[in-house]
């Protein structure tokens, strides 16, 4: 590449060119069979993805948002319940809670991983909840409603620390629904059980998104629910299809949340390549880590990967001082970046029955001001990565000189 070429944030065109004949063949099959919604291809994908995750069942749906919403309802979250999650996630997490007629509440994230902090969850249940008379169930002081479920978000391709979260859920009789929309193939080492567990197999159910930019992406919208609970799987199948147990027999009010056969065919083709793509993402992440060590960019904090995590790097997210300034400098150098996410959800839309303020979740708020997602995709070249890191360290060095060596995100994180 020449020095004048830009570096894209992701490359969706190259893998599709490589797989074009297989993908077109799946579309041709759908045209010839005229099976566009449900059918054998959807069932084949559901079986294959369940096997990939190590889950008992998979239910294909129209999007990751549908997956999370329907999983909550099928797992027993009722209108008026409180569901606890984190502020550092995409709004679909709390949209799904609202669609289930429940109320979101939040706990702060871990300063290193930006996933749910189990100690903050414990403190929330012990000090920010009362006990419901009779049942003893936690009642959120903020919403005034019973807490029945937890949604830990597996963020950027890395799982939350699930052992302590699951222990707390068991102690307080809470349902755990994993938001695995960015974690296709990620794994967690359970110190409690001494085994590696795939994302999507640890809670009562889990939600995956197959939005085109995900590690496993459709050519449009698609999602899936995984579960080891056959009742949840059956309920989700009816929910996605207008509450039908069979044609025109409606057991309850559902929705139109079905996975179409064309997208299922696309996902089947790509699923065969997912493990290799994830390994290539890990290799690109190791290259980024090494380049940051070489360039001595102490003000740039790379992703923290605990020993219990097998990261799949949906995103490679660093933390930098004066992030917006750095992002502008990178854009001027032709480097595309992202921010995931610039506004913590407690400071976004106002949720009924809850009042949040700046300072309520300081770790998430601080991260939102510093996080920067660098280009990450399997085909990312060494030259492109060099250019990204050179431009990044140059931008941060300029800020350090202007600030006279002020505290860096690395120093603040270590002090936390």
Protein backbone atom coordinates (compact mmCIF):
# COMPACT_ATOMS: atom_id res chain seq x y z
CA UNK A 1 0.00 0.00 0.00
CA UNK A 2 1.10 3.59 -0.50
CA UNK A 3 1.48 6.09 2.28
CA UNK A 4 -1.60 7.93 1.02
CA UNK A 5 -4.05 5.05 1.39
CA UNK A 6 -6.46 5.13 4.30
CA UNK A 7 -7.06 2.34 6.78
CA UNK A 8 -10.74 1.35 7.05
CA UNK A 9 -12.34 0.50 10.38
CA UNK A 10 -13.48 -2.85 9.01
CA UNK A 11 -13.53 -4.64 5.67
CA UNK A 12 -16.77 -6.42 4.83
CA UNK A 13 -16.12 -6.65 1.09
CA UNK A 14 -13.08 -8.95 1.05
CA UNK A 15 -14.59 -11.97 2.87
CA UNK A 16 -17.73 -11.69 0.75
CA UNK A 17 -15.70 -11.70 -2.45
CA UNK A 18 -13.87 -14.81 -1.26
CA UNK A 19 -17.13 -16.58 -0.39
CA UNK A 20 -19.22 -15.14 -3.22
CA UNK A 21 -19.92 -18.40 -5.06
CA UNK A 22 -21.00 -20.22 -1.88
CA UNK A 23 -23.17 -17.31 -0.77
CA UNK A 24 -24.81 -16.94 -4.19
CA UNK A 25 -25.48 -20.69 -4.22
CA UNK A 26 -27.40 -20.38 -0.93
CA UNK A 27 -29.46 -17.52 -2.35
CA UNK A 28 -30.11 -19.54 -5.51
CA UNK A 29 -31.30 -22.46 -3.36
CA UNK A 30 -33.78 -20.17 -1.61
CA UNK A 31 -35.08 -18.89 -4.94
CA UNK A 32 -35.54 -22.37 -6.32
CA UNK A 33 -37.19 -23.82 -3.23
CA UNK A 34 -39.24 -20.65 -2.52
CA UNK A 35 -38.61 -21.28 1.19
CA UNK A 36 -37.81 -17.81 2.47
CA UNK A 37 -38.88 -17.84 6.12
CA UNK A 38 -38.00 -20.73 8.42
CA UNK A 39 -37.58 -24.17 6.91
CA UNK A 40 -34.67 -26.62 6.66
CA UNK A 41 -31.90 -24.05 6.17
CA UNK A 42 -32.89 -22.16 9.32
CA UNK A 43 -33.06 -25.44 11.24
CA UNK A 44 -29.64 -26.46 9.88
CA UNK A 45 -28.12 -23.19 11.03
CA UNK A 46 -29.73 -23.46 14.46
CA UNK A 47 -28.26 -26.92 14.97
CA UNK A 48 -24.82 -25.84 13.71
CA UNK A 49 -24.65 -22.70 15.85
CA UNK A 50 -25.85 -24.54 18.96
CA UNK A 51 -23.05 -27.07 18.38
CA UNK A 52 -20.50 -24.29 17.82
CA UNK A 53 -21.44 -22.69 21.13
CA UNK A 54 -21.84 -25.95 23.02
CA UNK A 55 -25.47 -25.12 23.81
CA UNK A 56 -28.42 -27.47 23.83
CA UNK A 57 -30.64 -25.33 21.60
CA UNK A 58 -30.46 -22.33 19.28
CA UNK A 59 -33.46 -20.31 18.08
CA UNK A 60 -32.89 -18.04 15.09
CA UNK A 61 -34.59 -14.63 15.21
CA UNK A 62 -34.65 -11.39 13.27
CA UNK A 63 -32.00 -9.44 15.20
CA UNK A 64 -29.88 -9.35 18.32
CA UNK A 65 -32.40 -6.99 19.91
CA UNK A 66 -35.18 -9.51 19.28
CA UNK A 67 -32.97 -12.24 20.74
CA UNK A 68 -32.42 -10.41 24.01
CA UNK A 69 -36.06 -9.31 24.31
CA UNK A 70 -37.52 -12.75 23.63
CA UNK A 71 -34.96 -14.46 25.89
CA UNK A 72 -35.99 -12.20 28.78
CA UNK A 73 -39.67 -12.95 28.29
CA UNK A 74 -39.16 -16.70 27.81
CA UNK A 75 -36.96 -16.87 30.92
CA UNK A 76 -39.76 -15.41 33.04
CA UNK A 77 -39.09 -11.68 33.31
CA UNK A 78 -42.49 -10.08 33.94
CA UNK A 79 -43.89 -6.63 33.25
CA UNK A 80 -42.78 -4.32 36.05
CA UNK A 81 -39.69 -6.32 37.00
CA UNK A 82 -36.24 -4.73 37.30
CA UNK A 83 -33.38 -6.09 35.19
CA UNK A 84 -29.83 -5.11 36.14
CA UNK A 85 -27.19 -4.49 33.48
CA UNK A 86 -24.28 -2.11 32.80
CA UNK A 87 -24.22 1.44 31.39
CA UNK A 88 -21.35 0.73 28.97
CA UNK A 89 -23.22 -1.11 26.22
CA UNK A 90 -25.26 -0.46 23.09
CA UNK A 91 -28.78 0.81 23.73
CA UNK A 92 -30.28 -2.44 22.40
CA UNK A 93 -29.51 -4.01 25.80
CA UNK A 94 -31.88 -1.68 27.61
CA UNK A 95 -34.31 -1.46 24.69
CA UNK A 96 -34.87 -5.19 25.07
CA UNK A 97 -35.59 -4.73 28.78
CA UNK A 98 -38.10 -2.00 27.97
CA UNK A 99 -39.72 -4.11 25.23
CA UNK A 100 -40.22 -6.79 27.88
CA UNK A 101 -42.12 -4.15 29.91
CA UNK A 102 -39.43 -4.30 32.59
CA UNK A 103 -37.25 -1.54 34.07
CA UNK A 104 -33.48 -1.29 33.59
CA UNK A 105 -31.14 -0.56 36.46
CA UNK A 106 -27.36 -0.42 36.38
CA UNK A 107 -24.19 -1.39 38.16
CA UNK A 108 -20.78 -0.02 37.23
CA UNK A 109 -18.16 -1.82 35.19
CA UNK A 110 -14.70 -3.13 36.02
CA UNK A 111 -12.01 -0.54 35.30
CA UNK A 112 -9.84 -3.04 33.40
CA UNK A 113 -12.31 -4.98 31.25
CA UNK A 114 -15.28 -2.56 31.05
CA UNK A 115 -17.59 -5.53 31.74
CA UNK A 116 -19.90 -5.92 34.75
CA UNK A 117 -18.02 -5.58 38.03
CA UNK A 118 -19.17 -8.46 40.27
CA UNK A 119 -18.26 -6.51 43.41
CA UNK A 120 -20.43 -3.61 42.29
CA UNK A 121 -23.24 -6.09 41.64
CA UNK A 122 -22.82 -7.55 45.13
CA UNK A 123 -22.87 -4.06 46.67
CA UNK A 124 -25.97 -3.18 44.66
CA UNK A 125 -27.87 -6.24 45.88
CA UNK A 126 -26.75 -5.76 49.48
CA UNK A 127 -27.05 -2.00 49.89
CA UNK A 128 -29.13 -0.56 47.05
CA UNK A 129 -32.00 -3.01 47.36
CA UNK A 130 -34.55 -3.69 50.07
CA UNK A 131 -36.28 -7.05 50.50
CA UNK A 132 -39.76 -7.78 49.20
CA UNK A 133 -42.03 -8.85 52.08
CA UNK A 134 -42.75 -12.56 51.99
CA UNK A 135 -40.49 -13.61 49.12
CA UNK A 136 -37.35 -11.82 50.32
CA UNK A 137 -36.63 -10.91 46.68
CA UNK A 138 -34.39 -7.84 46.15
CA UNK A 139 -36.32 -4.62 45.48
CA UNK A 140 -34.44 -1.87 43.68
CA UNK A 141 -34.49 1.36 45.70
CA UNK A 142 -34.17 3.26 42.42
CA UNK A 143 -37.10 1.68 40.55
CA UNK A 144 -39.09 0.48 43.56
CA UNK A 145 -39.66 -2.81 41.77
CA UNK A 146 -38.45 -6.40 42.25
CA UNK A 147 -35.11 -7.37 40.72
CA UNK A 148 -35.54 -10.64 38.82
CA UNK A 149 -32.77 -10.79 36.24
CA UNK A 150 -29.20 -9.77 35.41
CA UNK A 151 -27.80 -9.10 31.93
CA UNK A 152 -23.99 -9.25 31.95
CA UNK A 153 -22.71 -7.89 28.64
CA UNK A 154 -19.84 -9.74 26.99
CA UNK A 155 -18.19 -6.64 25.58
CA UNK A 156 -15.91 -6.14 22.56
CA UNK A 157 -15.43 -9.92 22.20
CA UNK A 158 -14.63 -10.67 25.85
CA UNK A 159 -16.91 -12.29 28.42
CA UNK A 160 -17.81 -10.82 31.77
CA UNK A 161 -16.40 -12.52 34.88
CA UNK A 162 -19.23 -15.01 35.16
CA UNK A 163 -18.46 -17.18 38.22
CA UNK A 164 -19.16 -14.50 40.84
CA UNK A 165 -22.10 -13.14 38.83
CA UNK A 166 -23.70 -16.58 38.66
CA UNK A 167 -23.03 -17.14 42.36
CA UNK A 168 -24.82 -13.90 43.24
CA UNK A 169 -27.69 -14.78 40.92
CA UNK A 170 -28.10 -18.14 42.65
CA UNK A 171 -27.97 -16.54 46.10
CA UNK A 172 -30.71 -14.03 45.24
CA UNK A 173 -32.75 -16.28 42.91
CA UNK A 174 -32.10 -14.12 39.83
CA UNK A 175 -32.15 -15.17 36.18
CA UNK A 176 -29.00 -14.51 34.12
CA UNK A 177 -29.37 -13.69 30.43
CA UNK A 178 -26.06 -13.22 28.62
CA UNK A 179 -25.77 -10.40 26.12
CA UNK A 180 -23.33 -12.20 23.81
CA UNK A 181 -24.01 -10.00 20.77
CA UNK A 182 -20.27 -9.20 20.42
CA UNK A 183 -18.88 -12.52 21.66
CA UNK A 184 -19.27 -15.20 18.97
CA UNK A 185 -16.84 -17.92 20.03
CA UNK A 186 -15.49 -16.12 23.11
CA UNK A 187 -14.81 -18.33 26.11
CA UNK A 188 -14.59 -18.00 29.89
CA UNK A 189 -12.56 -20.19 32.23
CA UNK A 190 -14.73 -21.08 35.19
CA UNK A 191 -12.42 -21.32 38.18
CA UNK A 192 -15.32 -22.83 40.09
CA UNK A 193 -15.75 -25.77 37.72
CA UNK A 194 -12.27 -25.89 36.16
CA UNK A 195 -13.50 -25.76 32.55
CA UNK A 196 -13.65 -23.36 29.63
CA UNK A 197 -17.23 -22.28 28.84
CA UNK A 198 -18.30 -20.70 25.56
CA UNK A 199 -20.26 -17.46 25.60
CA UNK A 200 -23.92 -18.34 25.30
CA UNK A 201 -23.86 -21.38 27.59
CA UNK A 202 -23.54 -19.96 31.10
CA UNK A 203 -26.83 -18.19 31.78
CA UNK A 204 -30.44 -19.32 31.45
CA UNK A 205 -30.23 -18.07 27.88
CA UNK A 206 -28.08 -15.81 25.72
CA UNK A 207 -28.58 -13.39 22.85
CA UNK A 208 -26.40 -13.11 19.74
CA UNK A 209 -26.50 -10.51 16.99
CA UNK A 210 -25.46 -11.30 13.43
CA UNK A 211 -25.41 -7.69 12.24
CA UNK A 212 -23.07 -7.55 9.22
CA UNK A 213 -20.07 -6.14 11.11
CA UNK A 214 -20.05 -8.84 13.80
CA UNK A 215 -17.48 -11.67 13.85
CA UNK A 216 -20.26 -13.82 12.40
CA UNK A 217 -22.31 -11.42 10.32
CA UNK A 218 -25.30 -11.88 8.06
CA UNK A 219 -25.92 -9.90 4.87
CA UNK A 220 -28.63 -8.00 6.70
CA UNK A 221 -30.30 -8.29 10.10
CA UNK A 222 -30.31 -11.56 12.05
CA UNK A 223 -29.91 -12.88 15.58
CA UNK A 224 -30.18 -16.00 17.72
CA UNK A 225 -30.95 -17.20 21.23
CA UNK A 226 -28.94 -20.04 22.74
CA UNK A 227 -30.01 -21.95 25.83
CA UNK A 228 -29.64 -25.24 27.65
CA UNK A 229 -33.28 -25.02 28.78
CA UNK A 230 -35.67 -26.76 26.40
CA UNK A 231 -38.66 -24.85 27.83
CA UNK A 232 -36.99 -21.53 27.04
CA UNK A 233 -36.19 -22.70 23.50
CA UNK A 234 -39.79 -23.79 22.85
CA UNK A 235 -41.18 -20.56 24.28
CA UNK A 236 -38.80 -18.47 22.11
CA UNK A 237 -39.86 -20.38 18.98
CA UNK A 238 -43.48 -19.47 19.67
CA UNK A 239 -42.69 -15.89 20.66
CA UNK A 240 -40.83 -15.25 17.39
CA UNK A 241 -43.80 -16.58 15.38
CA UNK A 242 -46.79 -14.63 16.75
CA UNK A 243 -47.17 -16.94 19.74
CA UNK A 244 -48.12 -19.88 17.52
CA UNK A 245 -47.70 -23.49 18.65
CA UNK A 246 -48.86 -24.45 15.16
CA UNK A 247 -50.44 -22.50 12.32
CA UNK A 248 -53.30 -20.32 13.58
CA UNK A 249 -53.09 -21.73 17.10
CA UNK A 250 -51.87 -18.76 19.16
CA UNK A 251 -50.99 -19.56 22.76
CA UNK A 252 -50.17 -15.95 23.59
CA UNK A 253 -49.32 -12.64 21.93
CA UNK A 254 -45.91 -12.93 20.32
CA UNK A 255 -44.19 -10.98 17.57
CA UNK A 256 -42.84 -11.37 14.06
CA UNK A 257 -39.20 -12.05 14.92
CA UNK A 258 -38.31 -14.91 12.60
CA UNK A 259 -34.96 -15.56 10.92
CA UNK A 260 -35.26 -15.71 7.14
CA UNK A 261 -33.79 -18.56 5.14
CA UNK A 262 -31.48 -16.41 3.00
CA UNK A 263 -29.73 -15.01 6.08
CA UNK A 264 -29.58 -18.47 7.64
CA UNK A 265 -27.88 -19.76 4.49
CA UNK A 266 -25.35 -16.92 4.60
CA UNK A 267 -24.63 -17.64 8.25
CA UNK A 268 -24.19 -21.37 7.58
CA UNK A 269 -21.52 -20.63 4.98
CA UNK A 270 -19.70 -18.18 7.22
CA UNK A 271 -19.93 -20.32 10.36
CA UNK A 272 -17.46 -22.77 8.80
CA UNK A 273 -14.89 -19.95 8.79
CA UNK A 274 -15.65 -18.34 12.15
CA UNK A 275 -13.05 -20.19 14.24
CA UNK A 276 -10.31 -19.28 11.72
CA UNK A 277 -11.46 -15.65 11.57
CA UNK A 278 -11.43 -15.43 15.36
CA UNK A 279 -7.86 -16.78 15.45
CA UNK A 280 -6.86 -14.19 12.85
CA UNK A 281 -8.41 -11.46 14.99
CA UNK A 282 -6.40 -12.70 17.97
CA UNK A 283 -3.26 -12.58 15.85
CA UNK A 284 -4.00 -9.00 14.79
CA UNK A 285 -4.57 -8.08 18.45
CA UNK A 286 -1.22 -9.61 19.44
CA UNK A 287 0.39 -7.54 16.68
CA UNK A 288 -1.23 -4.37 18.01
CA UNK A 289 -0.04 -5.23 21.54
CA UNK A 290 3.52 -5.77 20.31
CA UNK A 291 3.53 -2.55 18.29
CA UNK A 292 2.37 -0.56 21.29
CA UNK A 293 5.22 -2.05 23.33
CA UNK A 294 7.73 -1.20 20.59
CA UNK A 295 6.57 2.37 20.16
CA UNK A 296 6.56 2.95 23.92
CA UNK A 297 3.15 4.58 23.88
CA UNK A 298 2.68 4.53 27.67
CA UNK A 299 -0.35 6.83 27.43
CA UNK A 300 -2.18 4.29 25.27
CA UNK A 301 -3.82 1.57 27.36
CA UNK A 302 -4.33 -1.67 25.37
CA UNK A 303 -7.20 -4.09 26.10
CA UNK A 304 -6.86 -5.97 29.38
CA UNK A 305 -7.35 -9.72 28.93
CA UNK A 306 -7.56 -11.61 32.25
CA UNK A 307 -6.38 -15.20 32.49
CA UNK A 308 -9.98 -16.38 32.55
CA UNK A 309 -10.77 -14.81 29.18
CA UNK A 310 -10.42 -16.12 25.62
CA UNK A 311 -11.06 -12.90 23.70
CA UNK A 312 -12.31 -12.91 20.08
CA UNK A 313 -11.66 -9.20 19.45
CA UNK A 314 -14.86 -8.09 17.82
CA UNK A 315 -13.28 -4.74 18.61
CA UNK A 316 -9.78 -3.71 19.66
CA UNK A 317 -10.41 -0.91 22.14
CA UNK A 318 -7.67 1.22 23.66
CA UNK A 319 -7.90 4.07 26.14
CA UNK A 320 -6.22 7.40 25.44
CA UNK A 321 -6.13 10.91 26.90
CA UNK A 322 -8.19 13.55 25.11
CA UNK A 323 -9.81 10.87 22.96
CA UNK A 324 -11.80 13.20 20.71
CA UNK A 325 -8.64 15.10 19.80
CA UNK A 326 -6.81 11.83 19.10
CA UNK A 327 -9.66 10.57 16.95
CA UNK A 328 -9.63 13.76 14.88
CA UNK A 329 -5.87 13.44 14.34
CA UNK A 330 -6.28 9.83 13.22
CA UNK A 331 -9.08 10.78 10.84
CA UNK A 332 -6.83 13.45 9.33
CA UNK A 333 -4.21 10.74 8.79
CA UNK A 334 -6.75 8.52 7.02
CA UNK A 335 -7.31 6.13 9.94
CA UNK A 336 -10.94 5.21 10.58
CA UNK A 337 -11.88 4.55 14.22
CA UNK A 338 -15.00 4.13 16.33
CA UNK A 339 -16.25 4.81 19.87
CA UNK A 340 -18.10 2.02 21.65
CA UNK A 341 -19.81 3.81 23.38
CA UNK A 342 -19.59 7.61 23.76
CA UNK A 343 -22.57 8.08 26.12
CA UNK A 344 -23.19 5.66 29.03
CA UNK A 345 -26.80 4.54 28.92
CA UNK A 346 -27.73 6.04 32.29
CA UNK A 347 -27.01 9.46 30.76
CA UNK A 348 -28.99 8.75 27.58
CA UNK A 349 -32.77 8.37 27.25
CA UNK A 350 -34.75 8.79 30.45
CA UNK A 351 -36.15 5.47 31.62
CA UNK A 352 -39.54 5.47 33.39
CA UNK A 353 -39.34 5.09 37.13
CA UNK A 354 -35.63 5.84 37.45
CA UNK A 355 -33.47 8.91 37.86
CA UNK A 356 -29.77 8.89 37.01
CA UNK A 357 -27.14 11.61 37.29
CA UNK A 358 -23.58 12.28 36.21
CA UNK A 359 -21.33 10.56 38.71
CA UNK A 360 -23.63 7.60 39.43
CA UNK A 361 -21.35 5.17 37.56
CA UNK A 362 -17.93 6.87 37.47
CA UNK A 363 -15.93 4.01 35.95
CA UNK A 364 -18.23 3.74 32.94
CA UNK A 365 -18.32 7.53 32.60
CA UNK A 366 -14.52 7.80 32.67
CA UNK A 367 -14.17 4.97 30.15
CA UNK A 368 -16.67 6.64 27.80
CA UNK A 369 -14.37 9.65 27.58
CA UNK A 370 -11.24 7.60 26.84
CA UNK A 371 -12.16 4.52 24.79
CA UNK A 372 -11.22 4.37 21.12
CA UNK A 373 -11.83 1.40 18.82
CA UNK A 374 -9.04 0.84 16.31
CA UNK A 375 -9.42 -0.89 12.92
CA UNK A 376 -9.94 -4.63 13.49
CA UNK A 377 -10.77 -7.32 10.95
CA UNK A 378 -9.09 -10.59 9.91
CA UNK A 379 -7.62 -9.18 6.67
CA UNK A 380 -5.94 -6.22 8.40
CA UNK A 381 -2.35 -6.11 7.09
CA UNK A 382 0.88 -5.55 9.00
CA UNK A 383 1.49 -2.33 7.07
CA UNK A 384 -1.94 -1.05 7.99
CA UNK A 385 -1.37 -1.87 11.65
CA UNK A 386 1.98 -0.09 11.63
CA UNK A 387 0.33 2.96 10.17
CA UNK A 388 -2.46 2.90 12.78
CA UNK A 389 -0.07 2.64 15.73
CA UNK A 390 2.41 5.20 14.36
CA UNK A 391 -0.41 7.69 13.84
CA UNK A 392 -1.89 6.91 17.25
CA UNK A 393 1.34 7.28 19.20
CA UNK A 394 2.19 10.48 17.32
CA UNK A 395 -1.20 11.97 18.22
CA UNK A 396 -0.93 10.96 21.89
CA UNK A 397 2.68 12.17 22.15
CA UNK A 398 1.58 15.58 20.92
CA UNK A 399 -1.07 15.72 23.63
CA UNK A 400 1.44 14.64 26.30
CA UNK A 401 3.84 17.41 25.26
CA UNK A 402 1.04 19.97 25.36
CA UNK A 403 -0.04 18.79 28.80
CA UNK A 404 3.46 18.65 30.22
CA UNK A 405 3.27 14.94 31.13
CA UNK A 406 -0.11 14.94 32.87
CA UNK A 407 -1.65 11.71 34.23
CA UNK A 408 -2.42 9.13 31.55
CA UNK A 409 -5.33 6.73 31.34
CA UNK A 410 -2.87 3.93 32.24
CA UNK A 411 -1.95 5.64 35.51
CA UNK A 412 -5.58 6.32 36.41
CA UNK A 413 -6.59 2.73 35.65
CA UNK A 414 -3.84 1.31 37.84
CA UNK A 415 -4.84 3.60 40.67
CA UNK A 416 -8.50 2.58 40.46
